[in-house]
Every structure is written in C-alpha cells, then in structure tokens.
Amino acid sequence: MRAQSISSLLGALFIASSLAPAARANDIKQCKDDGKQEYKACRDTCQENFQISKDMCRNISHDCAETCRATRESCESGPSAALDACKQGCDTQLDADKEPCKQLEKGSAGRDTCVDAAQVKAFQCRDTCRENSDHAAIQQCYQQARDCIKACPPPPQ
C-alpha cells in the first residue's frame, strides 16, 4: 500500500514537473511583456515631463510648444517615410543576400564571410539612403518648429 502511494506521488510529481516548464515559459513571457509595457509608459511619462520642464524654462506655453512639435513631426513624415522605405528595401535585399549563406555549414568561415558580405552591402545601401534623403526638407521642418516655438506666448498663470 505504501509503495503504491509513493508510486502515485512520484507519478504526480513527474506530470507536474513536465507541465511546469511550459507554464513557467508563459509566465516569463508575460512578465517580460509586462515589463516592456511598463518601460514604455515610464519612458513616455518621462519624455512628457521633460518637455513640460523645458517649456517652463523657456517661459512658453506647453500647449503651444506641443502644437509646434506635432507640426514638425507631421512635416517630417514625408521625408522620413521615403527614407524608411529606402532602408526597408535594403533590409529586404539583405535577407535575400543571406539566403545562400544558409546552405553553408554553420560556424564555417565561408558562411561567416558570406553573411559579412551581405551585411556590408546592406550597410552601404542604408548609408546611400541616408545620403540621398531630403535633408533640406527636414531642416526646413526644424526651422519652422523653432520659429513656431519662439512665437509661443508665456504659460497661463
């Protein structure tokens, strides 16, 4: 009878231990996701507090300055979208260039050389994208935002 109890207990422990890693992995993933969300919320709050402090130091209305910042972001969206699209093309090409490398033995010098060459090519592509981006348009957006912020009234009392 006692041997059967021990056997049942060991069986239950085995089943529980085999299920525990899956449950634990889900707990870890959820914990990491929660931490990431908390970090983003904290970062956003800190950024907003920084903007408020900066506007107070400048003695300008925070609402006015936020409007200027939003206008700048909107102004930059066109040139930024073009740059992002160009870099996305580089990343797509990188994936294609690395595909033949997968046929080579993992950890081999040939595979490393193949991947390195693909990464260098992608870096050069992204660099060309940045060099060809519309810097003048972005600078104009920044200048308009600076002029807008300079024109903001003092904060309400």
C-alpha atoms as a PDB file:
ATOM      1  CA  MET A   1       0.000   0.000   0.000  1.00  0.00           C
ATOM      2  CA  ARG A   2       2.769   2.396   0.950  1.00  0.00           C
ATOM      3  CA  ALA A   3       4.692   1.547  -2.246  1.00  0.00           C
ATOM      4  CA  GLN A   4       1.591   2.358  -4.290  1.00  0.00           C
ATOM      5  CA  SER A   5       1.270   5.747  -2.533  1.00  0.00           C
ATOM      6  CA  ILE A   6       4.895   6.585  -3.237  1.00  0.00           C
ATOM      7  CA  SER A   7       4.468   5.460  -6.825  1.00  0.00           C
ATOM      8  CA  SER A   8       1.359   7.652  -7.224  1.00  0.00           C
ATOM      9  CA  LEU A   9       3.133  10.592  -5.642  1.00  0.00           C
ATOM     10  CA  LEU A  10       6.149  10.196  -7.944  1.00  0.00           C
ATOM     11  CA  GLY A  11       3.831   9.931 -10.956  1.00  0.00           C
ATOM     12  CA  ALA A  12       2.023  13.123  -9.951  1.00  0.00           C
ATOM     13  CA  LEU A  13       5.330  14.926  -9.420  1.00  0.00           C
ATOM     14  CA  PHE A  14       6.568  13.762 -12.832  1.00  0.00           C
ATOM     15  CA  ILE A  15       3.425  15.056 -14.547  1.00  0.00           C
ATOM     16  CA  ALA A  16       3.592  18.356 -12.664  1.00  0.00           C
ATOM     17  CA  SER A  17       7.270  18.830 -13.449  1.00  0.00           C
ATOM     18  CA  SER A  18       6.727  18.113 -17.143  1.00  0.00           C
ATOM     19  CA  LEU A  19       3.958  20.729 -17.308  1.00  0.00           C
ATOM     20  CA  ALA A  20       5.829  23.310 -15.237  1.00  0.00           C
ATOM     21  CA  PRO A  21       8.327  24.426 -17.938  1.00  0.00           C
ATOM     22  CA  ALA A  22       5.535  25.345 -20.368  1.00  0.00           C
ATOM     23  CA  ALA A  23       3.631  27.247 -17.696  1.00  0.00           C
ATOM     24  CA  ARG A  24       6.839  28.862 -16.478  1.00  0.00           C
ATOM     25  CA  ALA A  25       7.769  29.906 -20.040  1.00  0.00           C
ATOM     26  CA  ASN A  26       4.373  31.570 -20.406  1.00  0.00           C
ATOM     27  CA  ASP A  27       4.847  33.311 -17.053  1.00  0.00           C
ATOM     28  CA  ILE A  28       8.298  34.551 -18.109  1.00  0.00           C
ATOM     29  CA  LYS A  29       6.985  35.808 -21.461  1.00  0.00           C
ATOM     30  CA  GLN A  30       4.080  37.573 -19.760  1.00  0.00           C
ATOM     31  CA  CYS A  31       6.428  39.055 -17.159  1.00  0.00           C
ATOM     32  CA  LYS A  32       8.757  40.349 -19.894  1.00  0.00           C
ATOM     33  CA  ASP A  33       5.796  41.768 -21.850  1.00  0.00           C
ATOM     34  CA  ASP A  34       4.531  43.492 -18.702  1.00  0.00           C
ATOM     35  CA  GLY A  35       7.995  44.922 -18.067  1.00  0.00           C
ATOM     36  CA  LYS A  36       8.218  46.195 -21.647  1.00  0.00           C
ATOM     37  CA  GLN A  37       4.835  47.916 -21.362  1.00  0.00           C
ATOM     38  CA  GLU A  38       5.834  49.456 -18.032  1.00  0.00           C
ATOM     39  CA  TYR A  39       9.093  50.701 -19.569  1.00  0.00           C
ATOM     40  CA  LYS A  40       7.258  52.301 -22.499  1.00  0.00           C
ATOM     41  CA  ALA A  41       4.769  54.009 -20.200  1.00  0.00           C
ATOM     42  CA  CYS A  42       7.591  55.245 -17.963  1.00  0.00           C
ATOM     43  CA  ARG A  43       9.584  56.489 -20.970  1.00  0.00           C
ATOM     44  CA  ASP A  44       6.553  58.336 -22.351  1.00  0.00           C
ATOM     45  CA  THR A  45       5.841  59.939 -18.975  1.00  0.00           C
ATOM     46  CA  CYS A  46       9.477  60.984 -18.556  1.00  0.00           C
ATOM     47  CA  GLN A  47       9.546  62.427 -22.078  1.00  0.00           C
ATOM     48  CA  GLU A  48       6.386  64.443 -21.390  1.00  0.00           C
ATOM     49  CA  ASN A  49       7.755  65.687 -18.043  1.00  0.00           C
ATOM     50  CA  PHE A  50      10.988  66.682 -19.789  1.00  0.00           C
ATOM     51  CA  GLN A  51       9.046  68.642 -22.434  1.00  0.00           C
ATOM     52  CA  ILE A  52       6.984  70.397 -19.756  1.00  0.00           C
ATOM     53  CA  SER A  53      10.145  71.339 -17.819  1.00  0.00           C
ATOM     54  CA  LYS A  54      11.874  72.560 -20.962  1.00  0.00           C
ATOM     55  CA  ASP A  55       8.873  74.717 -21.868  1.00  0.00           C
ATOM     56  CA  MET A  56       8.728  76.135 -18.342  1.00  0.00           C
ATOM     57  CA  CYS A  57      12.435  77.051 -18.548  1.00  0.00           C
ATOM     58  CA  ARG A  58      11.755  78.834 -21.831  1.00  0.00           C
ATOM     59  CA  ASN A  59       8.719  80.507 -20.223  1.00  0.00           C
ATOM     60  CA  ILE A  60       6.410  79.396 -23.027  1.00  0.00           C
ATOM     61  CA  SER A  61       3.016  77.721 -23.112  1.00  0.00           C
ATOM     62  CA  HIS A  62       3.404  73.967 -23.114  1.00  0.00           C
ATOM     63  CA  ASP A  63       0.274  73.528 -25.247  1.00  0.00           C
ATOM     64  CA  CYS A  64       1.640  75.917 -27.874  1.00  0.00           C
ATOM     65  CA  ALA A  65       5.018  74.157 -27.899  1.00  0.00           C
ATOM     66  CA  GLU A  66       3.322  70.761 -28.224  1.00  0.00           C
ATOM     67  CA  THR A  67       1.414  72.067 -31.249  1.00  0.00           C
ATOM     68  CA  CYS A  68       4.721  73.192 -32.781  1.00  0.00           C
ATOM     69  CA  ARG A  69       6.286  69.791 -32.103  1.00  0.00           C
ATOM     70  CA  ALA A  70       3.301  67.973 -33.630  1.00  0.00           C
ATOM     71  CA  THR A  71       3.514  70.194 -36.714  1.00  0.00           C
ATOM     72  CA  ARG A  72       7.232  69.397 -37.043  1.00  0.00           C
ATOM     73  CA  GLU A  73       6.577  65.653 -36.789  1.00  0.00           C
ATOM     74  CA  SER A  74       3.887  65.928 -39.446  1.00  0.00           C
ATOM     75  CA  CYS A  75       6.216  67.956 -41.665  1.00  0.00           C
ATOM     76  CA  GLU A  76       8.982  65.344 -41.287  1.00  0.00           C
ATOM     77  CA  SER A  77       6.696  62.410 -42.036  1.00  0.00           C
ATOM     78  CA  GLY A  78       7.112  62.664 -45.821  1.00  0.00           C
ATOM     79  CA  PRO A  79      10.926  62.721 -45.946  1.00  0.00           C
ATOM     80  CA  SER A  80      11.116  60.186 -43.109  1.00  0.00           C
ATOM     81  CA  ALA A  81       8.718  57.815 -44.879  1.00  0.00           C
ATOM     82  CA  ALA A  82      10.850  57.958 -48.019  1.00  0.00           C
ATOM     83  CA  LEU A  83      13.991  57.192 -46.002  1.00  0.00           C
ATOM     84  CA  ASP A  84      12.266  54.347 -44.165  1.00  0.00           C
ATOM     85  CA  ALA A  85      11.028  52.851 -47.439  1.00  0.00           C
ATOM     86  CA  CYS A  86      14.522  53.005 -48.901  1.00  0.00           C
ATOM     87  CA  LYS A  87      16.036  51.332 -45.828  1.00  0.00           C
ATOM     88  CA  GLN A  88      13.297  48.684 -45.890  1.00  0.00           C
ATOM     89  CA  GLY A  89      14.391  47.831 -49.414  1.00  0.00           C
ATOM     90  CA  CYS A  90      17.937  47.391 -48.107  1.00  0.00           C
ATOM     91  CA  ASP A  91      16.716  45.072 -45.355  1.00  0.00           C
ATOM     92  CA  THR A  92      14.720  43.012 -47.856  1.00  0.00           C
ATOM     93  CA  GLN A  93      17.799  42.715 -50.048  1.00  0.00           C
ATOM     94  CA  LEU A  94      19.882  41.735 -47.002  1.00  0.00           C
ATOM     95  CA  ASP A  95      17.516  38.854 -46.300  1.00  0.00           C
ATOM     96  CA  ALA A  96      17.784  37.728 -49.919  1.00  0.00           C
ATOM     97  CA  ASP A  97      21.579  38.054 -49.902  1.00  0.00           C
ATOM     98  CA  LYS A  98      21.873  35.983 -46.719  1.00  0.00           C
ATOM     99  CA  GLU A  99      19.684  33.172 -48.053  1.00  0.00           C
ATOM    100  CA  PRO A 100      22.502  31.372 -49.954  1.00  0.00           C
ATOM    101  CA  CYS A 101      24.655  31.597 -46.823  1.00  0.00           C
ATOM    102  CA  LYS A 102      22.268  29.211 -45.068  1.00  0.00           C
ATOM    103  CA  GLN A 103      23.414  26.447 -47.412  1.00  0.00           C
ATOM    104  CA  LEU A 104      26.929  26.681 -45.975  1.00  0.00           C
ATOM    105  CA  GLU A 105      27.953  24.863 -42.796  1.00  0.00           C
ATOM    106  CA  LYS A 106      27.057  26.692 -39.580  1.00  0.00           C
ATOM    107  CA  GLY A 107      30.103  28.254 -37.950  1.00  0.00           C
ATOM    108  CA  SER A 108      32.236  27.849 -41.043  1.00  0.00           C
ATOM    109  CA  ALA A 109      34.486  30.616 -42.318  1.00  0.00           C
ATOM    110  CA  GLY A 110      32.670  30.507 -45.660  1.00  0.00           C
ATOM    111  CA  ARG A 111      29.316  31.125 -44.029  1.00  0.00           C
ATOM    112  CA  ASP A 112      30.723  33.949 -41.907  1.00  0.00           C
ATOM    113  CA  THR A 113      32.273  35.559 -44.988  1.00  0.00           C
ATOM    114  CA  CYS A 114      29.002  35.230 -46.900  1.00  0.00           C
ATOM    115  CA  VAL A 115      26.964  36.843 -44.106  1.00  0.00           C
ATOM    116  CA  ASP A 116      29.569  39.575 -43.571  1.00  0.00           C
ATOM    117  CA  ALA A 117      29.474  40.479 -47.265  1.00  0.00           C
ATOM    118  CA  ALA A 118      25.665  40.673 -47.179  1.00  0.00           C
ATOM    119  CA  GLN A 119      25.761  42.889 -44.085  1.00  0.00           C
ATOM    120  CA  VAL A 120      28.360  45.227 -45.590  1.00  0.00           C
ATOM    121  CA  LYS A 121      26.261  45.559 -48.731  1.00  0.00           C
ATOM    122  CA  ALA A 122      23.171  46.343 -46.603  1.00  0.00           C
ATOM    123  CA  PHE A 123      25.097  48.939 -44.580  1.00  0.00           C
ATOM    124  CA  GLN A 124      26.242  50.641 -47.773  1.00  0.00           C
ATOM    125  CA  CYS A 125      22.678  50.584 -49.086  1.00  0.00           C
ATOM    126  CA  ARG A 126      21.296  52.205 -45.903  1.00  0.00           C
ATOM    127  CA  ASP A 127      24.125  54.744 -45.967  1.00  0.00           C
ATOM    128  CA  THR A 128      23.202  55.654 -49.542  1.00  0.00           C
ATOM    129  CA  CYS A 129      19.581  56.031 -48.447  1.00  0.00           C
ATOM    130  CA  ARG A 130      20.617  58.476 -45.721  1.00  0.00           C
ATOM    131  CA  GLU A 131      22.874  60.408 -48.096  1.00  0.00           C
ATOM    132  CA  ASN A 132      20.067  60.699 -50.638  1.00  0.00           C
ATOM    133  CA  SER A 133      17.396  61.669 -48.125  1.00  0.00           C
ATOM    134  CA  ASP A 134      15.879  65.126 -48.373  1.00  0.00           C
ATOM    135  CA  HIS A 135      17.962  66.880 -45.702  1.00  0.00           C
ATOM    136  CA  ALA A 136      16.769  70.301 -46.845  1.00  0.00           C
ATOM    137  CA  ALA A 137      13.132  69.371 -46.252  1.00  0.00           C
ATOM    138  CA  ILE A 138      13.923  68.028 -42.784  1.00  0.00           C
ATOM    139  CA  GLN A 139      15.950  71.153 -41.926  1.00  0.00           C
ATOM    140  CA  GLN A 140      13.032  73.294 -43.092  1.00  0.00           C
ATOM    141  CA  CYS A 141      10.726  71.371 -40.739  1.00  0.00           C
ATOM    142  CA  TYR A 142      13.105  72.018 -37.833  1.00  0.00           C
ATOM    143  CA  GLN A 143      13.399  75.716 -38.682  1.00  0.00           C
ATOM    144  CA  GLN A 144       9.632  76.094 -38.849  1.00  0.00           C
ATOM    145  CA  ALA A 145       9.311  74.375 -35.474  1.00  0.00           C
ATOM    146  CA  ARG A 146      11.946  76.652 -33.916  1.00  0.00           C
ATOM    147  CA  ASP A 147      10.176  79.734 -35.292  1.00  0.00           C
ATOM    148  CA  CYS A 148       6.848  78.406 -34.037  1.00  0.00           C
ATOM    149  CA  ILE A 149       8.210  77.784 -30.531  1.00  0.00           C
ATOM    150  CA  LYS A 150       9.808  81.246 -30.410  1.00  0.00           C
ATOM    151  CA  ALA A 151       6.389  82.713 -31.184  1.00  0.00           C
ATOM    152  CA  CYS A 152       4.663  80.843 -28.330  1.00  0.00           C
ATOM    153  CA  PRO A 153       3.211  83.017 -25.569  1.00  0.00           C
ATOM    154  CA  PRO A 154       4.141  82.621 -21.888  1.00  0.00           C
ATOM    155  CA  PRO A 155       2.283  79.911 -19.981  1.00  0.00           C
ATOM    156  CA  PRO A 156      -1.074  80.843 -18.494  1.00  0.00           C
ATOM    157  CA  GLN A 157      -0.876  81.951 -14.901  1.00  0.00           C
END
